[in-house]
Amino acid sequence: MSDVVDLRSHPEFTAIMAAFEARYMPEPMSGCWLWTGMYLSMKRMGYGCFTMRPARMIGERAHRLAWKLLRGPISSEDHVLHRCDNPICVNPDHLFLGDQAANMDDRQQKCRHNYGETHGMVKLTEEQVRLIHADARLYSVIAAEYGVTFMTVCDIKRGHSWRHLGLPRNTRYRHPSKSSRLKMHPVPVNRST
């Protein structure tokens, strides 16, 4: 773990700690320490961001810094996750370490991921998905009408996408099995020469 540095032995530790403590406010009801400094995303109150140029710290995530200052060193592969599900909380008692898989599981369990109409790549609305699901026409015709692929319509009908809508699964379309796709069809041979 050569990338691990213990901030508690940094020559500017006292100044870093003072600057950190000046940028959060304890919230007595939840126990969270709410970050009052800069944010990584100003649009939706994302994670806190800590910058202190004399200490050569630029853009450090506040919750990671809290862990480093108050709990100890962490590697760049480690993720600092929130028990309280509050991205601006820097209380180390509300934080825990995990890897990428644990971070994704935590995000999924707390429904903090984008799906449906909130996803950045979405082409359909929930109403259009309901109409596609109820449409009895050929999948290719439906796909052409809505400007999506055949497989998008197939995934909607089979319940593989837009699951959060709770639409019943339609098993009308099934992928042909590999064996049926690979079968050789006999070719008639003209032997009357």
C-alpha atoms as a PDB file:
ATOM      1  CA  MET A   1       0.000   0.000   0.000  1.00  0.00           C
ATOM      2  CA  SER A   2       2.495   2.566  -1.152  1.00  0.00           C
ATOM      3  CA  ASP A   3      -0.186   5.164  -1.937  1.00  0.00           C
ATOM      4  CA  VAL A   4      -1.286   5.371   1.705  1.00  0.00           C
ATOM      5  CA  VAL A   5      -0.152   8.497   3.560  1.00  0.00           C
ATOM      6  CA  ASP A   6      -0.999   9.166   7.188  1.00  0.00           C
ATOM      7  CA  LEU A   7      -2.213  12.789   7.344  1.00  0.00           C
ATOM      8  CA  ARG A   8      -1.720  12.802  11.098  1.00  0.00           C
ATOM      9  CA  SER A   9       2.046  12.979  10.456  1.00  0.00           C
ATOM     10  CA  HIS A  10       1.708  15.793   7.850  1.00  0.00           C
ATOM     11  CA  PRO A  11       3.772  18.884   8.788  1.00  0.00           C
ATOM     12  CA  GLU A  12       0.620  21.029   8.404  1.00  0.00           C
ATOM     13  CA  PHE A  13      -1.636  18.665  10.373  1.00  0.00           C
ATOM     14  CA  THR A  14      -2.680  21.253  12.977  1.00  0.00           C
ATOM     15  CA  ALA A  15      -3.576  23.823  10.295  1.00  0.00           C
ATOM     16  CA  ILE A  16      -5.434  21.203   8.211  1.00  0.00           C
ATOM     17  CA  MET A  17      -7.393  20.041  11.264  1.00  0.00           C
ATOM     18  CA  ALA A  18      -8.300  23.633  12.219  1.00  0.00           C
ATOM     19  CA  ALA A  19      -9.434  24.405   8.657  1.00  0.00           C
ATOM     20  CA  PHE A  20     -11.468  21.176   8.548  1.00  0.00           C
ATOM     21  CA  GLU A  21     -13.163  21.863  11.893  1.00  0.00           C
ATOM     22  CA  ALA A  22     -14.094  25.385  10.747  1.00  0.00           C
ATOM     23  CA  ARG A  23     -16.008  23.938   7.766  1.00  0.00           C
ATOM     24  CA  TYR A  24     -18.623  21.737   9.385  1.00  0.00           C
ATOM     25  CA  MET A  25     -21.519  22.280  11.747  1.00  0.00           C
ATOM     26  CA  PRO A  26     -22.838  19.561  14.084  1.00  0.00           C
ATOM     27  CA  GLU A  27     -26.537  18.842  13.661  1.00  0.00           C
ATOM     28  CA  PRO A  28     -27.880  17.688  17.051  1.00  0.00           C
ATOM     29  CA  MET A  29     -30.966  15.791  15.852  1.00  0.00           C
ATOM     30  CA  SER A  30     -29.202  13.374  13.493  1.00  0.00           C
ATOM     31  CA  GLY A  31     -25.675  13.553  14.870  1.00  0.00           C
ATOM     32  CA  CYS A  32     -24.370  14.456  11.409  1.00  0.00           C
ATOM     33  CA  TRP A  33     -21.558  16.956  11.005  1.00  0.00           C
ATOM     34  CA  LEU A  34     -22.843  18.994   8.062  1.00  0.00           C
ATOM     35  CA  TRP A  35     -20.164  20.250   5.678  1.00  0.00           C
ATOM     36  CA  THR A  36     -20.398  24.019   5.175  1.00  0.00           C
ATOM     37  CA  GLY A  37     -17.459  24.395   2.801  1.00  0.00           C
ATOM     38  CA  MET A  38     -17.414  23.965  -0.969  1.00  0.00           C
ATOM     39  CA  TYR A  39     -19.251  21.141  -2.774  1.00  0.00           C
ATOM     40  CA  LEU A  40     -18.212  19.003  -5.722  1.00  0.00           C
ATOM     41  CA  SER A  41     -21.643  19.462  -7.315  1.00  0.00           C
ATOM     42  CA  MET A  42     -23.388  22.772  -6.725  1.00  0.00           C
ATOM     43  CA  LYS A  43     -26.509  21.584  -8.583  1.00  0.00           C
ATOM     44  CA  ARG A  44     -27.654  19.001  -6.059  1.00  0.00           C
ATOM     45  CA  MET A  45     -25.641  19.461  -2.887  1.00  0.00           C
ATOM     46  CA  GLY A  46     -23.127  16.712  -3.636  1.00  0.00           C
ATOM     47  CA  TYR A  47     -20.137  15.685  -1.551  1.00  0.00           C
ATOM     48  CA  GLY A  48     -18.147  18.281   0.335  1.00  0.00           C
ATOM     49  CA  CYS A  49     -14.830  19.355  -1.135  1.00  0.00           C
ATOM     50  CA  PHE A  50     -11.791  20.521   0.839  1.00  0.00           C
ATOM     51  CA  THR A  51      -9.012  22.708  -0.588  1.00  0.00           C
ATOM     52  CA  MET A  52      -6.060  24.088   1.339  1.00  0.00           C
ATOM     53  CA  ARG A  53      -3.310  25.256  -0.985  1.00  0.00           C
ATOM     54  CA  PRO A  54      -0.498  25.733   1.596  1.00  0.00           C
ATOM     55  CA  ALA A  55      -0.870  22.054   2.537  1.00  0.00           C
ATOM     56  CA  ARG A  56      -1.080  21.083  -1.183  1.00  0.00           C
ATOM     57  CA  MET A  57      -4.577  19.679  -0.724  1.00  0.00           C
ATOM     58  CA  ILE A  58      -6.847  20.507  -3.648  1.00  0.00           C
ATOM     59  CA  GLY A  59     -10.277  18.989  -4.218  1.00  0.00           C
ATOM     60  CA  GLU A  60     -10.111  16.411  -1.437  1.00  0.00           C
ATOM     61  CA  ARG A  61     -13.528  14.944  -0.699  1.00  0.00           C
ATOM     62  CA  ALA A  62     -14.534  16.121   2.757  1.00  0.00           C
ATOM     63  CA  HIS A  63     -15.803  12.762   4.030  1.00  0.00           C
ATOM     64  CA  ARG A  64     -12.567  11.044   2.925  1.00  0.00           C
ATOM     65  CA  LEU A  65     -10.573  13.778   4.645  1.00  0.00           C
ATOM     66  CA  ALA A  66     -12.623  13.290   7.835  1.00  0.00           C
ATOM     67  CA  TRP A  67     -11.689   9.622   7.833  1.00  0.00           C
ATOM     68  CA  LYS A  68      -8.005  10.359   7.198  1.00  0.00           C
ATOM     69  CA  LEU A  69      -7.813  13.007   9.919  1.00  0.00           C
ATOM     70  CA  LEU A  70      -9.815  11.236  12.611  1.00  0.00           C
ATOM     71  CA  ARG A  71      -9.502   7.510  11.873  1.00  0.00           C
ATOM     72  CA  GLY A  72      -6.272   7.043   9.925  1.00  0.00           C
ATOM     73  CA  PRO A  73      -4.873   6.421   6.451  1.00  0.00           C
ATOM     74  CA  ILE A  74      -6.834   4.805   3.614  1.00  0.00           C
ATOM     75  CA  SER A  75      -5.756   3.655   0.160  1.00  0.00           C
ATOM     76  CA  SER A  76      -7.031   5.177  -3.072  1.00  0.00           C
ATOM     77  CA  GLU A  77      -8.991   1.952  -3.764  1.00  0.00           C
ATOM     78  CA  ASP A  78     -10.956   2.258  -0.516  1.00  0.00           C
ATOM     79  CA  HIS A  79     -14.310   4.025  -0.548  1.00  0.00           C
ATOM     80  CA  VAL A  80     -15.685   5.934   2.419  1.00  0.00           C
ATOM     81  CA  LEU A  81     -19.413   5.241   2.673  1.00  0.00           C
ATOM     82  CA  HIS A  82     -22.131   6.950   4.718  1.00  0.00           C
ATOM     83  CA  ARG A  83     -24.284   5.040   7.205  1.00  0.00           C
ATOM     84  CA  CYS A  84     -26.505   8.114   7.532  1.00  0.00           C
ATOM     85  CA  ASP A  85     -27.012   8.427   3.752  1.00  0.00           C
ATOM     86  CA  ASN A  86     -26.175  12.135   3.938  1.00  0.00           C
ATOM     87  CA  PRO A  87     -23.429  13.015   1.414  1.00  0.00           C
ATOM     88  CA  ILE A  88     -22.465  16.215   3.249  1.00  0.00           C
ATOM     89  CA  CYS A  89     -21.944  14.462   6.585  1.00  0.00           C
ATOM     90  CA  VAL A  90     -18.314  14.291   7.751  1.00  0.00           C
ATOM     91  CA  ASN A  91     -18.888  12.670  11.150  1.00  0.00           C
ATOM     92  CA  PRO A  92     -16.476   9.704  11.233  1.00  0.00           C
ATOM     93  CA  ASP A  93     -18.954   7.757  13.400  1.00  0.00           C
ATOM     94  CA  HIS A  94     -21.360   7.846  10.430  1.00  0.00           C
ATOM     95  CA  LEU A  95     -18.721   6.650   7.945  1.00  0.00           C
ATOM     96  CA  PHE A  96     -17.343   3.210   7.118  1.00  0.00           C
ATOM     97  CA  LEU A  97     -14.840   1.804   4.642  1.00  0.00           C
ATOM     98  CA  GLY A  98     -15.712  -0.442   1.714  1.00  0.00           C
ATOM     99  CA  ASP A  99     -14.610  -1.362  -1.784  1.00  0.00           C
ATOM    100  CA  GLN A 100     -16.288  -0.486  -5.104  1.00  0.00           C
ATOM    101  CA  ALA A 101     -18.679  -3.452  -4.882  1.00  0.00           C
ATOM    102  CA  ALA A 102     -19.758  -2.465  -1.356  1.00  0.00           C
ATOM    103  CA  ASN A 103     -20.265   1.118  -2.548  1.00  0.00           C
ATOM    104  CA  MET A 104     -22.524  -0.025  -5.420  1.00  0.00           C
ATOM    105  CA  ASP A 105     -24.492  -2.351  -3.133  1.00  0.00           C
ATOM    106  CA  ASP A 106     -24.959   0.465  -0.607  1.00  0.00           C
ATOM    107  CA  ARG A 107     -26.111   2.836  -3.356  1.00  0.00           C
ATOM    108  CA  GLN A 108     -28.581   0.265  -4.705  1.00  0.00           C
ATOM    109  CA  GLN A 109     -30.038  -0.532  -1.264  1.00  0.00           C
ATOM    110  CA  LYS A 110     -30.567   3.170  -0.518  1.00  0.00           C
ATOM    111  CA  CYS A 111     -32.069   3.857  -3.990  1.00  0.00           C
ATOM    112  CA  ARG A 112     -29.522   6.569  -4.742  1.00  0.00           C
ATOM    113  CA  HIS A 113     -29.006   5.463  -8.347  1.00  0.00           C
ATOM    114  CA  ASN A 114     -30.624   6.931 -11.421  1.00  0.00           C
ATOM    115  CA  TYR A 115     -33.224   4.791 -13.136  1.00  0.00           C
ATOM    116  CA  GLY A 116     -36.292   5.382 -15.279  1.00  0.00           C
ATOM    117  CA  GLU A 117     -36.853   8.985 -16.308  1.00  0.00           C
ATOM    118  CA  THR A 118     -34.052  10.229 -14.037  1.00  0.00           C
ATOM    119  CA  HIS A 119     -31.387   8.305 -15.967  1.00  0.00           C
ATOM    120  CA  GLY A 120     -29.224  10.519 -18.182  1.00  0.00           C
ATOM    121  CA  MET A 121     -29.542   8.332 -21.284  1.00  0.00           C
ATOM    122  CA  VAL A 122     -33.318   7.812 -21.176  1.00  0.00           C
ATOM    123  CA  LYS A 123     -35.261   8.109 -24.434  1.00  0.00           C
ATOM    124  CA  LEU A 124     -38.706   7.159 -23.167  1.00  0.00           C
ATOM    125  CA  THR A 125     -41.085   8.441 -20.532  1.00  0.00           C
ATOM    126  CA  GLU A 126     -42.848   6.142 -18.074  1.00  0.00           C
ATOM    127  CA  GLU A 127     -46.103   6.728 -19.959  1.00  0.00           C
ATOM    128  CA  GLN A 128     -44.483   5.665 -23.248  1.00  0.00           C
ATOM    129  CA  VAL A 129     -43.113   2.532 -21.565  1.00  0.00           C
ATOM    130  CA  ARG A 130     -46.601   1.633 -20.332  1.00  0.00           C
ATOM    131  CA  LEU A 131     -47.980   2.146 -23.859  1.00  0.00           C
ATOM    132  CA  ILE A 132     -45.208  -0.010 -25.357  1.00  0.00           C
ATOM    133  CA  HIS A 133     -45.893  -2.732 -22.799  1.00  0.00           C
ATOM    134  CA  ALA A 134     -49.607  -2.782 -23.666  1.00  0.00           C
ATOM    135  CA  ASP A 135     -49.055  -2.592 -27.456  1.00  0.00           C
ATOM    136  CA  ALA A 136     -49.803  -5.896 -29.236  1.00  0.00           C
ATOM    137  CA  ARG A 137     -48.145  -5.027 -32.556  1.00  0.00           C
ATOM    138  CA  LEU A 138     -44.872  -6.476 -33.797  1.00  0.00           C
ATOM    139  CA  TYR A 139     -41.900  -5.390 -31.721  1.00  0.00           C
ATOM    140  CA  SER A 140     -40.106  -3.995 -34.764  1.00  0.00           C
ATOM    141  CA  VAL A 141     -43.103  -1.768 -35.598  1.00  0.00           C
ATOM    142  CA  ILE A 142     -43.292  -0.488 -32.017  1.00  0.00           C
ATOM    143  CA  ALA A 143     -39.537   0.156 -31.985  1.00  0.00           C
ATOM    144  CA  ALA A 144     -39.708   2.175 -35.213  1.00  0.00           C
ATOM    145  CA  GLU A 145     -42.589   4.286 -33.892  1.00  0.00           C
ATOM    146  CA  TYR A 146     -40.777   5.223 -30.663  1.00  0.00           C
ATOM    147  CA  GLY A 147     -37.295   5.533 -32.171  1.00  0.00           C
ATOM    148  CA  VAL A 148     -35.765   2.761 -30.058  1.00  0.00           C
ATOM    149  CA  THR A 149     -34.268  -0.624 -30.865  1.00  0.00           C
ATOM    150  CA  PHE A 150     -36.092  -3.931 -31.145  1.00  0.00           C
ATOM    151  CA  MET A 151     -34.244  -5.148 -28.022  1.00  0.00           C
ATOM    152  CA  THR A 152     -35.401  -2.103 -26.016  1.00  0.00           C
ATOM    153  CA  VAL A 153     -39.013  -3.060 -26.750  1.00  0.00           C
ATOM    154  CA  CYS A 154     -38.206  -6.698 -25.996  1.00  0.00           C
ATOM    155  CA  ASP A 155     -36.621  -5.779 -22.636  1.00  0.00           C
ATOM    156  CA  ILE A 156     -39.659  -3.664 -21.692  1.00  0.00           C
ATOM    157  CA  LYS A 157     -42.082  -6.453 -22.601  1.00  0.00           C
ATOM    158  CA  ARG A 158     -40.059  -9.113 -20.735  1.00  0.00           C
ATOM    159  CA  GLY A 159     -39.649  -6.944 -17.628  1.00  0.00           C
ATOM    160  CA  HIS A 160     -35.866  -6.663 -17.930  1.00  0.00           C
ATOM    161  CA  SER A 161     -35.935  -2.872 -17.959  1.00  0.00           C
ATOM    162  CA  TRP A 162     -38.199  -0.347 -16.237  1.00  0.00           C
ATOM    163  CA  ARG A 163     -38.806  -2.917 -13.464  1.00  0.00           C
ATOM    164  CA  HIS A 164     -39.670  -0.202 -10.976  1.00  0.00           C
ATOM    165  CA  LEU A 165     -42.992   0.315 -12.832  1.00  0.00           C
ATOM    166  CA  GLY A 166     -44.146  -3.145 -11.732  1.00  0.00           C
ATOM    167  CA  LEU A 167     -45.468  -4.136 -15.161  1.00  0.00           C
ATOM    168  CA  PRO A 168     -46.283  -7.836 -15.631  1.00  0.00           C
ATOM    169  CA  ARG A 169     -43.724  -9.862 -17.550  1.00  0.00           C
ATOM    170  CA  ASN A 170     -44.535 -10.817 -21.115  1.00  0.00           C
ATOM    171  CA  THR A 171     -42.771 -13.972 -22.307  1.00  0.00           C
ATOM    172  CA  ARG A 172     -44.072 -13.849 -25.890  1.00  0.00           C
ATOM    173  CA  TYR A 173     -40.640 -13.180 -27.354  1.00  0.00           C
ATOM    174  CA  ARG A 174     -37.788 -15.531 -26.580  1.00  0.00           C
ATOM    175  CA  HIS A 175     -34.280 -15.572 -27.975  1.00  0.00           C
ATOM    176  CA  PRO A 176     -33.748 -18.566 -30.236  1.00  0.00           C
ATOM    177  CA  SER A 177     -31.441 -21.048 -28.582  1.00  0.00           C
ATOM    178  CA  LYS A 178     -27.899 -21.373 -29.909  1.00  0.00           C
ATOM    179  CA  SER A 179     -28.543 -24.908 -31.086  1.00  0.00           C
ATOM    180  CA  SER A 180     -31.473 -23.858 -33.288  1.00  0.00           C
ATOM    181  CA  ARG A 181     -29.460 -20.993 -34.776  1.00  0.00           C
ATOM    182  CA  LEU A 182     -26.513 -23.239 -35.584  1.00  0.00           C
ATOM    183  CA  LYS A 183     -28.445 -26.088 -37.192  1.00  0.00           C
ATOM    184  CA  MET A 184     -27.434 -26.761 -40.751  1.00  0.00           C
ATOM    185  CA  HIS A 185     -30.394 -26.848 -43.095  1.00  0.00           C
ATOM    186  CA  PRO A 186     -30.083 -29.430 -45.855  1.00  0.00           C
ATOM    187  CA  VAL A 187     -29.569 -27.912 -49.280  1.00  0.00           C
ATOM    188  CA  PRO A 188     -31.256 -29.815 -52.106  1.00  0.00           C
ATOM    189  CA  VAL A 189     -28.673 -31.142 -54.545  1.00  0.00           C
ATOM    190  CA  ASN A 190     -29.559 -31.578 -58.202  1.00  0.00           C
ATOM    191  CA  ARG A 191     -28.059 -34.965 -59.231  1.00  0.00           C
ATOM    192  CA  SER A 192     -29.605 -35.181 -62.644  1.00  0.00           C
ATOM    193  CA  THR A 193     -26.627 -34.081 -64.709  1.00  0.00           C
END
